[in-house]
Protein backbone atom coordinates (compact mmCIF):
# COMPACT_ATOMS: atom_id res chain seq x y z
CA MET A 1 -39.81 47.06 -59.29
CA LYS A 2 -36.52 47.93 -57.59
CA ILE A 3 -35.98 47.57 -53.87
CA MET A 4 -35.56 51.07 -52.38
CA ILE A 5 -32.67 51.37 -49.93
CA GLY A 6 -32.38 54.59 -47.96
CA VAL A 7 -29.00 55.86 -46.80
CA MET A 8 -29.31 58.37 -43.94
CA GLY A 9 -26.32 59.95 -42.25
CA SER A 10 -23.86 62.70 -41.49
CA VAL A 11 -23.60 65.82 -43.60
CA ALA A 12 -20.38 66.85 -41.79
CA GLY A 13 -18.05 65.78 -38.99
CA PHE A 14 -16.84 62.48 -40.48
CA ASP A 15 -13.46 61.15 -41.62
CA ALA A 16 -12.11 59.80 -44.92
CA ASN A 17 -12.65 56.19 -43.87
CA ALA A 18 -16.37 56.84 -43.27
CA ALA A 19 -16.62 58.51 -46.69
CA GLU A 20 -14.98 55.53 -48.40
CA LEU A 21 -17.23 53.04 -46.58
CA SER A 22 -20.28 55.06 -47.65
CA TYR A 23 -19.07 55.14 -51.25
CA GLN A 24 -18.64 51.35 -51.22
CA LEU A 25 -22.09 51.00 -49.67
CA GLY A 26 -23.64 52.92 -52.57
CA ARG A 27 -21.72 50.84 -55.07
CA THR A 28 -22.93 47.63 -53.42
CA ILE A 29 -26.55 48.87 -53.50
CA ALA A 30 -26.20 49.40 -57.25
CA GLU A 31 -24.53 46.01 -57.71
CA HIS A 32 -27.64 44.41 -56.22
CA ASP A 33 -29.85 46.34 -58.68
CA CYS A 34 -31.51 48.33 -55.91
CA ALA A 35 -32.30 52.05 -55.95
CA ILE A 36 -30.65 54.35 -53.42
CA VAL A 37 -32.73 57.00 -51.62
CA THR A 38 -31.20 59.86 -49.63
CA GLY A 39 -32.23 63.27 -48.32
CA ALA A 40 -30.56 64.78 -51.41
CA CYS A 41 -27.97 66.19 -49.04
CA PRO A 42 -24.16 66.43 -49.05
CA GLY A 43 -21.94 64.33 -46.80
CA LEU A 44 -21.94 60.58 -46.29
CA PRO A 45 -25.30 59.99 -48.04
CA TYR A 46 -23.96 61.80 -51.10
CA ASP A 47 -20.80 59.67 -51.02
CA ALA A 48 -23.12 56.68 -51.23
CA VAL A 49 -24.97 58.30 -54.14
CA ARG A 50 -21.67 58.79 -55.98
CA GLY A 51 -20.79 55.14 -55.43
CA ALA A 52 -24.16 53.99 -56.75
CA LYS A 53 -24.04 56.30 -59.77
CA ASP A 54 -20.48 55.27 -60.67
CA PHE A 55 -21.80 51.71 -60.93
CA GLY A 56 -24.86 52.72 -62.96
CA GLY A 57 -27.38 52.54 -60.12
CA MET A 58 -30.66 54.43 -59.78
CA THR A 59 -30.48 57.41 -57.38
CA VAL A 60 -33.37 59.25 -55.73
CA GLY A 61 -33.17 62.36 -53.56
CA VAL A 62 -35.89 63.63 -51.22
CA SER A 63 -35.26 67.37 -50.96
CA PRO A 64 -36.33 69.68 -48.13
CA GLY A 65 -36.88 72.47 -50.68
CA HIS A 66 -39.86 73.54 -52.76
CA ASN A 67 -37.92 73.60 -56.01
CA PHE A 68 -34.50 73.34 -57.62
CA ALA A 69 -33.47 76.90 -56.68
CA GLU A 70 -34.34 76.43 -53.00
CA HIS A 71 -32.69 73.03 -52.98
CA THR A 72 -29.38 74.31 -54.34
CA ILE A 73 -29.26 77.85 -52.91
CA LYS A 74 -31.08 77.84 -49.57
CA TYR A 75 -30.10 74.32 -48.55
CA GLU A 76 -26.80 74.25 -50.47
CA SER A 77 -27.49 70.68 -51.53
CA PRO A 78 -26.16 68.76 -54.53
CA TRP A 79 -28.14 67.80 -57.60
CA GLU A 80 -25.57 66.09 -59.83
CA GLY A 81 -25.72 62.32 -59.71
CA PHE A 82 -29.45 62.13 -58.94
CA ASP A 83 -31.85 60.54 -61.40
CA VAL A 84 -34.85 61.90 -59.51
CA ILE A 85 -35.21 64.66 -56.91
CA ILE A 86 -38.53 64.90 -55.05
CA TYR A 87 -39.18 68.44 -53.80
CA THR A 88 -41.18 68.15 -50.58
CA GLY A 89 -41.05 71.77 -49.38
CA SER A 90 -41.13 70.29 -45.88
CA GLY A 91 -37.80 71.54 -44.58
CA LEU A 92 -34.93 69.48 -43.23
CA MET A 93 -36.91 67.69 -40.51
CA GLY A 94 -40.24 67.47 -42.31
CA ARG A 95 -38.85 65.65 -45.33
CA GLU A 96 -37.57 62.82 -43.12
CA ILE A 97 -40.96 61.10 -42.96
CA THR A 98 -41.30 61.12 -46.74
CA GLY A 99 -37.75 59.86 -47.12
CA VAL A 100 -38.06 56.99 -44.65
CA ARG A 101 -41.49 55.90 -45.89
CA SER A 102 -40.16 55.78 -49.45
CA CYS A 103 -37.69 53.06 -48.46
CA ASP A 104 -37.95 49.30 -48.08
CA ILE A 105 -34.68 49.28 -46.11
CA VAL A 106 -33.02 52.14 -44.19
CA ILE A 107 -29.27 52.23 -43.58
CA VAL A 108 -27.59 54.58 -41.12
CA VAL A 109 -24.07 55.87 -41.86
CA GLY A 110 -22.49 58.05 -39.19
CA GLY A 111 -25.18 60.48 -38.14
CA ARG A 112 -26.07 62.98 -35.48
CA SER A 113 -29.41 64.41 -34.28
CA GLY A 114 -31.05 64.53 -37.73
CA THR A 115 -30.09 60.93 -38.47
CA LEU A 116 -31.34 59.94 -35.03
CA GLY A 117 -34.75 61.31 -36.03
CA GLU A 118 -34.74 59.27 -39.23
CA PHE A 119 -33.72 56.17 -37.31
CA ALA A 120 -36.53 56.76 -34.80
CA ILE A 121 -39.12 57.03 -37.58
CA ALA A 122 -37.84 53.89 -39.29
CA TYR A 123 -37.74 51.95 -36.01
CA ASP A 124 -41.20 53.06 -34.90
CA GLU A 125 -42.66 52.04 -38.27
CA GLY A 126 -41.15 48.57 -38.14
CA LYS A 127 -38.63 49.02 -40.92
CA LEU A 128 -35.66 46.82 -41.71
CA ILE A 129 -32.67 48.92 -40.59
CA GLY A 130 -28.95 48.58 -41.20
CA ALA A 131 -26.06 50.36 -39.47
CA LEU A 132 -22.70 50.64 -41.23
CA ARG A 133 -20.28 50.36 -38.33
CA GLY A 134 -17.00 52.23 -38.54
CA THR A 135 -18.65 55.39 -39.88
CA GLY A 136 -19.00 56.95 -36.42
CA GLY A 137 -21.93 58.77 -34.84
CA ILE A 138 -25.30 57.07 -34.49
CA ALA A 139 -24.27 54.12 -36.68
CA ASP A 140 -21.71 52.96 -34.11
CA HIS A 141 -24.23 53.11 -31.23
CA ILE A 142 -27.35 51.55 -32.75
CA SER A 143 -27.39 48.55 -30.42
CA GLU A 144 -27.28 50.86 -27.40
CA LEU A 145 -30.16 52.91 -28.78
CA VAL A 146 -32.26 49.80 -29.40
CA GLY A 147 -31.58 48.67 -25.84
CA VAL A 148 -32.69 52.02 -24.43
CA ILE A 149 -35.80 52.14 -26.64
CA SER A 150 -36.84 48.67 -25.47
CA LYS A 151 -39.95 48.68 -27.65
CA GLU A 152 -41.30 46.00 -29.98
CA THR A 153 -42.31 47.56 -33.29
CA GLY A 154 -41.46 44.81 -35.76
CA ALA A 155 -38.26 46.61 -36.76
CA GLN A 156 -35.15 44.52 -37.36
CA VAL A 157 -31.68 46.03 -36.98
CA VAL A 158 -28.51 44.67 -38.58
CA GLU A 159 -25.03 46.01 -37.83
CA ASP A 160 -21.92 45.34 -39.91
CA GLY A 161 -18.68 47.09 -40.74
CA ASP A 162 -18.46 45.61 -44.23
CA PRO A 163 -20.75 47.34 -46.80
CA HIS A 164 -21.12 44.28 -49.02
CA ARG A 165 -21.90 41.92 -46.16
CA LEU A 166 -24.34 44.42 -44.67
CA ILE A 167 -26.32 44.67 -47.92
CA VAL A 168 -26.39 40.89 -48.37
CA ARG A 169 -27.65 40.36 -44.82
CA LEU A 170 -30.32 43.04 -45.22
CA MET A 171 -31.45 41.65 -48.58
CA GLU A 172 -31.77 38.18 -47.11
CA LEU A 173 -33.94 39.49 -44.29
CA TYR A 174 -36.01 41.64 -46.64
CA ILE A 175 -36.76 38.74 -48.95
CA ALA A 176 -37.42 36.45 -45.97
CA ARG A 177 -40.01 39.00 -44.80
CA ARG A 178 -41.66 38.93 -48.22
CA LEU A 179 -41.81 35.16 -48.15
CA ALA A 180 -43.14 35.11 -44.60
CA ALA A 181 -45.87 37.57 -45.58
CA ARG A 182 -46.97 35.05 -48.20
CA GLY A 183 -46.97 32.17 -45.75
CA HIS A 184 -43.72 30.60 -46.93
CA ASP A 185 -40.94 29.31 -44.72
CA LEU A 186 -37.58 30.44 -46.12
CA PRO A 187 -35.51 27.30 -45.40
CA ALA A 188 -38.32 25.08 -46.69
CA VAL A 189 -38.44 26.68 -50.14
CA LEU A 190 -34.72 27.30 -50.68
CA PRO A 191 -32.32 24.34 -50.64
CA ASP A 192 -29.26 26.64 -50.45
CA CYS A 193 -30.45 28.36 -47.26
CA ASP A 194 -29.99 27.20 -43.71
CA GLU A 195 -31.80 28.60 -40.69
CA HIS A 196 -29.92 31.88 -40.66
CA VAL A 197 -28.02 32.43 -43.91
CA CYS A 198 -29.05 32.37 -47.57
CA ARG A 199 -26.22 31.58 -49.96
CA SER A 200 -27.20 34.08 -52.67
CA VAL A 201 -29.72 36.84 -53.21
CA GLU A 202 -30.19 35.70 -56.80
CA SER A 203 -31.41 32.27 -55.71
CA ILE A 204 -33.97 33.85 -53.38
CA GLU A 205 -35.30 36.17 -56.09
CA THR A 206 -35.54 33.20 -58.46
CA ALA A 207 -37.49 31.25 -55.84
CA ILE A 208 -39.90 34.14 -55.37
CA SER A 209 -40.40 34.48 -59.14
CA ASP A 210 -41.04 30.74 -59.42
CA MET A 211 -43.63 30.90 -56.64
CA GLU A 212 -45.32 33.91 -58.20
CA ALA A 213 -45.49 32.08 -61.54
CA GLU A 214 -46.93 29.01 -59.80
CA ILE A 215 -49.56 31.16 -58.08
CA LEU A 216 -50.61 32.62 -61.44
CA ARG A 217 -50.79 29.12 -62.94
CA ILE A 218 -52.97 27.88 -60.08
CA GLN A 219 -55.20 30.94 -60.32
CA GLY A 220 -55.66 30.19 -64.02
CA ILE A 221 -56.66 26.60 -63.26
CA ILE A 222 -59.12 27.77 -60.60
CA ALA A 223 -60.70 30.25 -63.03
CA GLU A 224 -61.07 27.54 -65.67
CA GLN A 225 -62.63 25.11 -63.21
CA ARG A 226 -65.09 27.80 -62.10
CA LYS A 227 -66.17 28.26 -65.70
CA ARG A 228 -66.75 24.51 -66.02
CA LEU A 229 -68.67 24.47 -62.76
CA ASP A 230 -70.91 27.33 -63.94
CA ALA A 231 -71.52 25.54 -67.22
CA PHE A 232 -72.36 22.31 -65.39
CA ARG A 233 -74.81 24.17 -63.15
CA ASP A 234 -76.51 25.69 -66.21
CA VAL A 235 -76.91 22.26 -67.80
CA ALA A 236 -78.14 20.77 -64.54
CA MET A 237 -80.75 23.50 -64.14
CA MET A 238 -81.89 23.05 -67.73
CA GLY A 239 -82.19 19.30 -67.22
CA SER A 240 -84.13 19.82 -64.01
CA GLY A 241 -86.56 22.14 -65.82
CA GLU A 242 -87.11 19.65 -68.64
CA ALA A 243 -87.73 16.83 -66.22
CA LYS A 244 -90.40 18.83 -64.41
CA GLY A 245 -92.09 19.70 -67.69
């Protein structure tokens, strides 16, 4: 199953550099075989969708409209480049909860009041959040917002001005969270990781797959031993009955 990375940001009021950074962000998401999720809107999130699609990535849009007509006419939103569009009928603000909760990772690019709402939802629900610096708006002030919020929710926030480095850092943290949830210490199971940095995402995914395979093998052994134990108990009970007779 693909990791779902949400890109939330400005529909308007951004410059060409922010658009190019967003495009490269989408491309990098596709390069890491992750799916991109946006509000199916124009602007910087759609630049990221174009980048992902140009590299063959999976693209998902969470629309505020009830159907295709409302999506394209009432909300004047794009449809080309999306593999899937989910019609929520919840309006621009209402669809934010569905969009954020559909993501494993949320990345902010630029952004104004609407993006601030999406960031607030993601932060309050303990999501892993990235901010692509250099895209303006909310993304360039995330650290200030976190300082003002001053609330422990389990959310982790990563800021970086390089799209590729941002995705790598977020992927490392995401996979470290998965390992921690299973009781594994990341440096202990990966020889190419130090305390803070993993050398490659591929090596981490391989380690997780190996551990999952080992868990299945151990579960198989346990099941087999339980069968033997049950059989031994049956024989023991039969022997006990014969002895009494």
